[in-house]
Amino acid sequence: MMSEPDHDTSTANEDHIGPDASLLIVDDDGPFLRRLARAMEARGFRVETAESVSEGVAKSKSHPPKYAVVDLRLGDGNGLDVIEAIRQRRDDTRIIVLTGYGNIATAVTAVKLGAVDYLAKPADADDVYAALTQRAGEKAELPENPMSADRVRWEHIQRVYEMCERNVSETARRLNMHRRTLQRILAKRAPK
């Protein structure tokens, strides 16, 4: 549930955001996108939304935002393309990546491209706001429930898979694993 801030916090929010409050949110989950956009507007951002990579890239080129929240998995491609488009126009944008698939490897790639943080979906407005306005040097809080050993193993496999450019045979060779075993692991959802 996304909470709306009261009027007293809007002045404090503007201090955290700064003079350029432009925010681009790119997500193909329409209801989530609209809720997050309303919640971010209530916190002082000037929000533009996009529901696809092509729309996100177009808006990034015409009006590069100071802040961006980009989902990695979109219906027409990868959110990394939107991040690259933003970085080609503006290098001071604070970009937060949303990942609903728990794919840490792709999120790490996004951070290397210039995202400042990533959040697992479903993220609420408070988490997104905190990530967008976090100052350099501030440390994020430790998670209450750290990843299980199975999840860490799955994340490692995903990272190697991404490094091998999603080539199953090469990934299996590098992990010293049978190709069919790897395919079964990749077909399953991430463990909790």
C-alpha atoms as a PDB file:
ATOM      1  CA  MET A   1       0.000   0.000   0.000  1.00  0.00           C
ATOM      2  CA  MET A   2       1.383   3.394  -0.949  1.00  0.00           C
ATOM      3  CA  SER A   3       1.066   6.023   1.728  1.00  0.00           C
ATOM      4  CA  GLU A   4       0.457   9.679   0.960  1.00  0.00           C
ATOM      5  CA  PRO A   5       2.582  12.221   2.858  1.00  0.00           C
ATOM      6  CA  ASP A   6       0.959  15.003   4.852  1.00  0.00           C
ATOM      7  CA  HIS A   7       1.439  18.675   3.907  1.00  0.00           C
ATOM      8  CA  ASP A   8       4.227  19.319   6.467  1.00  0.00           C
ATOM      9  CA  THR A   9       6.496  16.748   4.847  1.00  0.00           C
ATOM     10  CA  SER A  10       6.197  18.209   1.335  1.00  0.00           C
ATOM     11  CA  THR A  11       8.597  21.078   2.176  1.00  0.00           C
ATOM     12  CA  ALA A  12      11.084  18.609   3.628  1.00  0.00           C
ATOM     13  CA  ASN A  13      10.672  16.434   0.532  1.00  0.00           C
ATOM     14  CA  GLU A  14      11.451  19.370  -1.779  1.00  0.00           C
ATOM     15  CA  ASP A  15      14.703  19.924   0.169  1.00  0.00           C
ATOM     16  CA  HIS A  16      15.712  16.301  -0.511  1.00  0.00           C
ATOM     17  CA  ILE A  17      14.702  16.381  -4.172  1.00  0.00           C
ATOM     18  CA  GLY A  18      16.362  19.662  -5.151  1.00  0.00           C
ATOM     19  CA  PRO A  19      15.384  22.266  -7.774  1.00  0.00           C
ATOM     20  CA  ASP A  20      15.005  19.772 -10.652  1.00  0.00           C
ATOM     21  CA  ALA A  21      12.185  17.437  -9.609  1.00  0.00           C
ATOM     22  CA  SER A  22      11.740  15.713 -12.982  1.00  0.00           C
ATOM     23  CA  LEU A  23      11.102  11.973 -12.586  1.00  0.00           C
ATOM     24  CA  LEU A  24      10.584   9.395 -15.327  1.00  0.00           C
ATOM     25  CA  ILE A  25       8.942   6.115 -14.279  1.00  0.00           C
ATOM     26  CA  VAL A  26       9.113   3.273 -16.820  1.00  0.00           C
ATOM     27  CA  ASP A  27       7.050   0.161 -16.043  1.00  0.00           C
ATOM     28  CA  ASP A  28       4.678  -1.973 -18.115  1.00  0.00           C
ATOM     29  CA  ASP A  29       2.439  -2.770 -15.123  1.00  0.00           C
ATOM     30  CA  GLY A  30      -0.140  -0.004 -15.692  1.00  0.00           C
ATOM     31  CA  PRO A  31      -1.885  -0.021 -12.274  1.00  0.00           C
ATOM     32  CA  PHE A  32       1.464  -0.098 -10.416  1.00  0.00           C
ATOM     33  CA  LEU A  33       2.826   2.658 -12.670  1.00  0.00           C
ATOM     34  CA  ARG A  34      -0.150   4.951 -12.028  1.00  0.00           C
ATOM     35  CA  ARG A  35      -0.097   4.362  -8.234  1.00  0.00           C
ATOM     36  CA  LEU A  36       3.633   5.016  -8.037  1.00  0.00           C
ATOM     37  CA  ALA A  37       3.321   8.137 -10.227  1.00  0.00           C
ATOM     38  CA  ARG A  38       0.588   9.588  -7.966  1.00  0.00           C
ATOM     39  CA  ALA A  39       2.587   8.784  -4.834  1.00  0.00           C
ATOM     40  CA  MET A  40       5.750  10.397  -6.235  1.00  0.00           C
ATOM     41  CA  GLU A  41       3.827  13.511  -7.344  1.00  0.00           C
ATOM     42  CA  ALA A  42       2.482  13.797  -3.790  1.00  0.00           C
ATOM     43  CA  ARG A  43       6.095  13.737  -2.577  1.00  0.00           C
ATOM     44  CA  GLY A  44       7.078  16.678  -4.780  1.00  0.00           C
ATOM     45  CA  PHE A  45       8.265  15.129  -8.070  1.00  0.00           C
ATOM     46  CA  ARG A  46       7.170  16.237 -11.566  1.00  0.00           C
ATOM     47  CA  VAL A  47       6.386  12.819 -12.987  1.00  0.00           C
ATOM     48  CA  GLU A  48       6.370  11.508 -16.549  1.00  0.00           C
ATOM     49  CA  THR A  49       5.512   7.871 -17.205  1.00  0.00           C
ATOM     50  CA  ALA A  50       6.269   5.341 -19.917  1.00  0.00           C
ATOM     51  CA  GLU A  51       4.949   1.796 -20.331  1.00  0.00           C
ATOM     52  CA  SER A  52       7.538   0.505 -22.817  1.00  0.00           C
ATOM     53  CA  VAL A  53      11.210   0.665 -23.714  1.00  0.00           C
ATOM     54  CA  SER A  54      10.470   2.649 -26.879  1.00  0.00           C
ATOM     55  CA  GLU A  55       8.357   5.210 -24.995  1.00  0.00           C
ATOM     56  CA  GLY A  56      10.961   5.424 -22.189  1.00  0.00           C
ATOM     57  CA  VAL A  57      13.805   5.975 -24.664  1.00  0.00           C
ATOM     58  CA  ALA A  58      11.816   8.637 -26.542  1.00  0.00           C
ATOM     59  CA  LYS A  59      11.004  10.545 -23.334  1.00  0.00           C
ATOM     60  CA  SER A  60      14.627  10.200 -22.137  1.00  0.00           C
ATOM     61  CA  LYS A  61      15.852  11.743 -25.375  1.00  0.00           C
ATOM     62  CA  SER A  62      13.349  14.610 -25.461  1.00  0.00           C
ATOM     63  CA  HIS A  63      13.465  15.499 -21.728  1.00  0.00           C
ATOM     64  CA  PRO A  64      16.241  13.677 -19.840  1.00  0.00           C
ATOM     65  CA  PRO A  65      15.036  13.491 -16.206  1.00  0.00           C
ATOM     66  CA  LYS A  66      16.946  14.243 -13.004  1.00  0.00           C
ATOM     67  CA  TYR A  67      15.433  11.084 -11.472  1.00  0.00           C
ATOM     68  CA  ALA A  68      14.308   7.798 -13.041  1.00  0.00           C
ATOM     69  CA  VAL A  69      12.706   4.555 -11.893  1.00  0.00           C
ATOM     70  CA  VAL A  70      13.058   1.866 -14.559  1.00  0.00           C
ATOM     71  CA  ASP A  71      11.695  -1.680 -14.575  1.00  0.00           C
ATOM     72  CA  LEU A  72      14.199  -4.086 -16.122  1.00  0.00           C
ATOM     73  CA  ARG A  73      11.698  -6.428 -17.780  1.00  0.00           C
ATOM     74  CA  LEU A  74       9.354  -4.627 -20.132  1.00  0.00           C
ATOM     75  CA  GLY A  75       6.989  -6.001 -22.754  1.00  0.00           C
ATOM     76  CA  ASP A  76       9.039  -4.719 -25.696  1.00  0.00           C
ATOM     77  CA  GLY A  77      12.550  -5.274 -24.351  1.00  0.00           C
ATOM     78  CA  ASN A  78      14.983  -4.508 -21.575  1.00  0.00           C
ATOM     79  CA  GLY A  79      14.959  -1.450 -19.315  1.00  0.00           C
ATOM     80  CA  LEU A  80      18.759  -1.284 -19.685  1.00  0.00           C
ATOM     81  CA  ASP A  81      18.109   0.420 -23.054  1.00  0.00           C
ATOM     82  CA  VAL A  82      16.247   3.223 -21.253  1.00  0.00           C
ATOM     83  CA  ILE A  83      19.136   3.643 -18.792  1.00  0.00           C
ATOM     84  CA  GLU A  84      21.596   3.912 -21.684  1.00  0.00           C
ATOM     85  CA  ALA A  85      19.388   6.518 -23.403  1.00  0.00           C
ATOM     86  CA  ILE A  86      19.259   8.593 -20.210  1.00  0.00           C
ATOM     87  CA  ARG A  87      23.032   8.367 -19.702  1.00  0.00           C
ATOM     88  CA  GLN A  88      23.680   9.502 -23.294  1.00  0.00           C
ATOM     89  CA  ARG A  89      21.869  12.772 -22.522  1.00  0.00           C
ATOM     90  CA  ARG A  90      22.523  13.324 -18.823  1.00  0.00           C
ATOM     91  CA  ASP A  91      25.095  11.953 -16.412  1.00  0.00           C
ATOM     92  CA  ASP A  92      23.664  13.278 -13.138  1.00  0.00           C
ATOM     93  CA  THR A  93      20.352  11.378 -13.238  1.00  0.00           C
ATOM     94  CA  ARG A  94      19.659   9.253 -10.159  1.00  0.00           C
ATOM     95  CA  ILE A  95      18.349   6.004 -11.604  1.00  0.00           C
ATOM     96  CA  ILE A  96      16.678   3.271  -9.573  1.00  0.00           C
ATOM     97  CA  VAL A  97      16.085  -0.111 -11.196  1.00  0.00           C
ATOM     98  CA  LEU A  98      13.055  -2.253 -10.370  1.00  0.00           C
ATOM     99  CA  THR A  99      13.359  -5.973 -10.843  1.00  0.00           C
ATOM    100  CA  GLY A 100      10.416  -8.279 -10.358  1.00  0.00           C
ATOM    101  CA  TYR A 101      12.324 -11.425 -11.193  1.00  0.00           C
ATOM    102  CA  GLY A 102      14.956 -11.234  -8.494  1.00  0.00           C
ATOM    103  CA  ASN A 103      17.605 -11.174 -11.203  1.00  0.00           C
ATOM    104  CA  ILE A 104      20.497  -9.616  -9.333  1.00  0.00           C
ATOM    105  CA  ALA A 105      22.920 -10.133 -12.235  1.00  0.00           C
ATOM    106  CA  THR A 106      20.934  -7.875 -14.548  1.00  0.00           C
ATOM    107  CA  ALA A 107      20.496  -5.355 -11.734  1.00  0.00           C
ATOM    108  CA  VAL A 108      24.282  -5.320 -11.273  1.00  0.00           C
ATOM    109  CA  THR A 109      24.652  -4.647 -15.009  1.00  0.00           C
ATOM    110  CA  ALA A 110      22.198  -1.762 -14.596  1.00  0.00           C
ATOM    111  CA  VAL A 111      24.286  -0.343 -11.752  1.00  0.00           C
ATOM    112  CA  LYS A 112      27.381  -0.554 -13.951  1.00  0.00           C
ATOM    113  CA  LEU A 113      25.494   1.404 -16.637  1.00  0.00           C
ATOM    114  CA  GLY A 114      24.759   4.141 -14.127  1.00  0.00           C
ATOM    115  CA  ALA A 115      21.809   3.133 -11.950  1.00  0.00           C
ATOM    116  CA  VAL A 116      22.396   4.083  -8.316  1.00  0.00           C
ATOM    117  CA  ASP A 117      20.392   1.263  -6.758  1.00  0.00           C
ATOM    118  CA  TYR A 118      17.904  -1.502  -7.449  1.00  0.00           C
ATOM    119  CA  LEU A 119      14.753  -2.563  -5.656  1.00  0.00           C
ATOM    120  CA  ALA A 120      12.859  -5.837  -5.877  1.00  0.00           C
ATOM    121  CA  LYS A 121       9.234  -5.520  -6.963  1.00  0.00           C
ATOM    122  CA  PRO A 122       6.779  -4.923  -5.537  1.00  0.00           C
ATOM    123  CA  ALA A 123       8.487  -1.875  -4.065  1.00  0.00           C
ATOM    124  CA  ASP A 124       6.362   0.682  -2.263  1.00  0.00           C
ATOM    125  CA  ALA A 125       6.527   4.449  -2.702  1.00  0.00           C
ATOM    126  CA  ASP A 126       8.463   4.957   0.532  1.00  0.00           C
ATOM    127  CA  ASP A 127      11.201   2.556  -0.619  1.00  0.00           C
ATOM    128  CA  VAL A 128      11.406   4.225  -4.033  1.00  0.00           C
ATOM    129  CA  TYR A 129      11.500   7.724  -2.504  1.00  0.00           C
ATOM    130  CA  ALA A 130      14.206   6.705  -0.017  1.00  0.00           C
ATOM    131  CA  ALA A 131      16.329   5.174  -2.787  1.00  0.00           C
ATOM    132  CA  LEU A 132      15.934   8.219  -5.059  1.00  0.00           C
ATOM    133  CA  THR A 133      16.825  10.760  -2.365  1.00  0.00           C
ATOM    134  CA  GLN A 134      19.527   8.797  -0.523  1.00  0.00           C
ATOM    135  CA  ARG A 135      22.640  10.918  -0.182  1.00  0.00           C
ATOM    136  CA  ALA A 136      26.093   9.703  -1.207  1.00  0.00           C
ATOM    137  CA  GLY A 137      27.721   7.864   1.669  1.00  0.00           C
ATOM    138  CA  GLU A 138      24.430   6.951   3.355  1.00  0.00           C
ATOM    139  CA  LYS A 139      24.118   3.258   3.949  1.00  0.00           C
ATOM    140  CA  ALA A 140      20.977   1.325   3.218  1.00  0.00           C
ATOM    141  CA  GLU A 141      19.471  -0.609   6.094  1.00  0.00           C
ATOM    142  CA  LEU A 142      20.277  -4.296   6.327  1.00  0.00           C
ATOM    143  CA  PRO A 143      17.459  -6.555   5.200  1.00  0.00           C
ATOM    144  CA  GLU A 144      15.484  -8.314   7.925  1.00  0.00           C
ATOM    145  CA  ASN A 145      15.421 -11.525   5.889  1.00  0.00           C
ATOM    146  CA  PRO A 146      18.718 -12.095   4.076  1.00  0.00           C
ATOM    147  CA  MET A 147      18.816 -14.445   1.066  1.00  0.00           C
ATOM    148  CA  SER A 148      18.799 -18.187   1.645  1.00  0.00           C
ATOM    149  CA  ALA A 149      21.690 -20.355   0.463  1.00  0.00           C
ATOM    150  CA  ASP A 150      19.480 -21.661  -2.383  1.00  0.00           C
ATOM    151  CA  ARG A 151      18.750 -18.110  -3.454  1.00  0.00           C
ATOM    152  CA  VAL A 152      22.438 -17.141  -3.365  1.00  0.00           C
ATOM    153  CA  ARG A 153      23.232 -20.190  -5.563  1.00  0.00           C
ATOM    154  CA  TRP A 154      20.438 -19.231  -7.978  1.00  0.00           C
ATOM    155  CA  GLU A 155      21.685 -15.630  -8.148  1.00  0.00           C
ATOM    156  CA  HIS A 156      25.226 -16.851  -8.882  1.00  0.00           C
ATOM    157  CA  ILE A 157      23.949 -19.038 -11.730  1.00  0.00           C
ATOM    158  CA  GLN A 158      21.977 -16.072 -13.105  1.00  0.00           C
ATOM    159  CA  ARG A 159      25.063 -13.841 -12.930  1.00  0.00           C
ATOM    160  CA  VAL A 160      27.205 -16.337 -14.862  1.00  0.00           C
ATOM    161  CA  TYR A 161      24.350 -16.836 -17.354  1.00  0.00           C
ATOM    162  CA  GLU A 162      24.221 -13.059 -17.970  1.00  0.00           C
ATOM    163  CA  MET A 163      28.040 -12.876 -18.266  1.00  0.00           C
ATOM    164  CA  CYS A 164      27.836 -15.602 -20.939  1.00  0.00           C
ATOM    165  CA  GLU A 165      25.283 -13.468 -22.811  1.00  0.00           C
ATOM    166  CA  ARG A 166      22.503 -15.988 -22.033  1.00  0.00           C
ATOM    167  CA  ASN A 167      24.288 -18.843 -23.771  1.00  0.00           C
ATOM    168  CA  VAL A 168      23.185 -22.004 -21.925  1.00  0.00           C
ATOM    169  CA  SER A 169      25.986 -24.236 -23.274  1.00  0.00           C
ATOM    170  CA  GLU A 170      28.734 -21.785 -22.314  1.00  0.00           C
ATOM    171  CA  THR A 171      27.162 -21.161 -18.892  1.00  0.00           C
ATOM    172  CA  ALA A 172      26.919 -24.909 -18.214  1.00  0.00           C
ATOM    173  CA  ARG A 173      30.574 -25.356 -19.227  1.00  0.00           C
ATOM    174  CA  ARG A 174      31.740 -22.550 -16.927  1.00  0.00           C
ATOM    175  CA  LEU A 175      29.675 -23.835 -14.007  1.00  0.00           C
ATOM    176  CA  ASN A 176      30.809 -27.416 -14.643  1.00  0.00           C
ATOM    177  CA  MET A 177      27.164 -28.442 -14.827  1.00  0.00           C
ATOM    178  CA  HIS A 178      25.164 -30.599 -17.220  1.00  0.00           C
ATOM    179  CA  ARG A 179      23.322 -28.469 -19.798  1.00  0.00           C
ATOM    180  CA  ARG A 180      19.911 -30.038 -19.071  1.00  0.00           C
ATOM    181  CA  THR A 181      20.330 -29.498 -15.334  1.00  0.00           C
ATOM    182  CA  LEU A 182      21.103 -25.842 -15.984  1.00  0.00           C
ATOM    183  CA  GLN A 183      18.073 -25.495 -18.277  1.00  0.00           C
ATOM    184  CA  ARG A 184      15.816 -26.892 -15.522  1.00  0.00           C
ATOM    185  CA  ILE A 185      17.259 -24.433 -12.987  1.00  0.00           C
ATOM    186  CA  LEU A 186      16.833 -21.493 -15.386  1.00  0.00           C
ATOM    187  CA  ALA A 187      13.222 -22.477 -16.109  1.00  0.00           C
ATOM    188  CA  LYS A 188      12.262 -22.361 -12.424  1.00  0.00           C
ATOM    189  CA  ARG A 189      11.357 -19.280 -10.414  1.00  0.00           C
ATOM    190  CA  ALA A 190      13.909 -17.900  -7.992  1.00  0.00           C
ATOM    191  CA  PRO A 191      13.878 -19.603  -4.585  1.00  0.00           C
ATOM    192  CA  LYS A 192      12.885 -17.451  -1.612  1.00  0.00           C
END
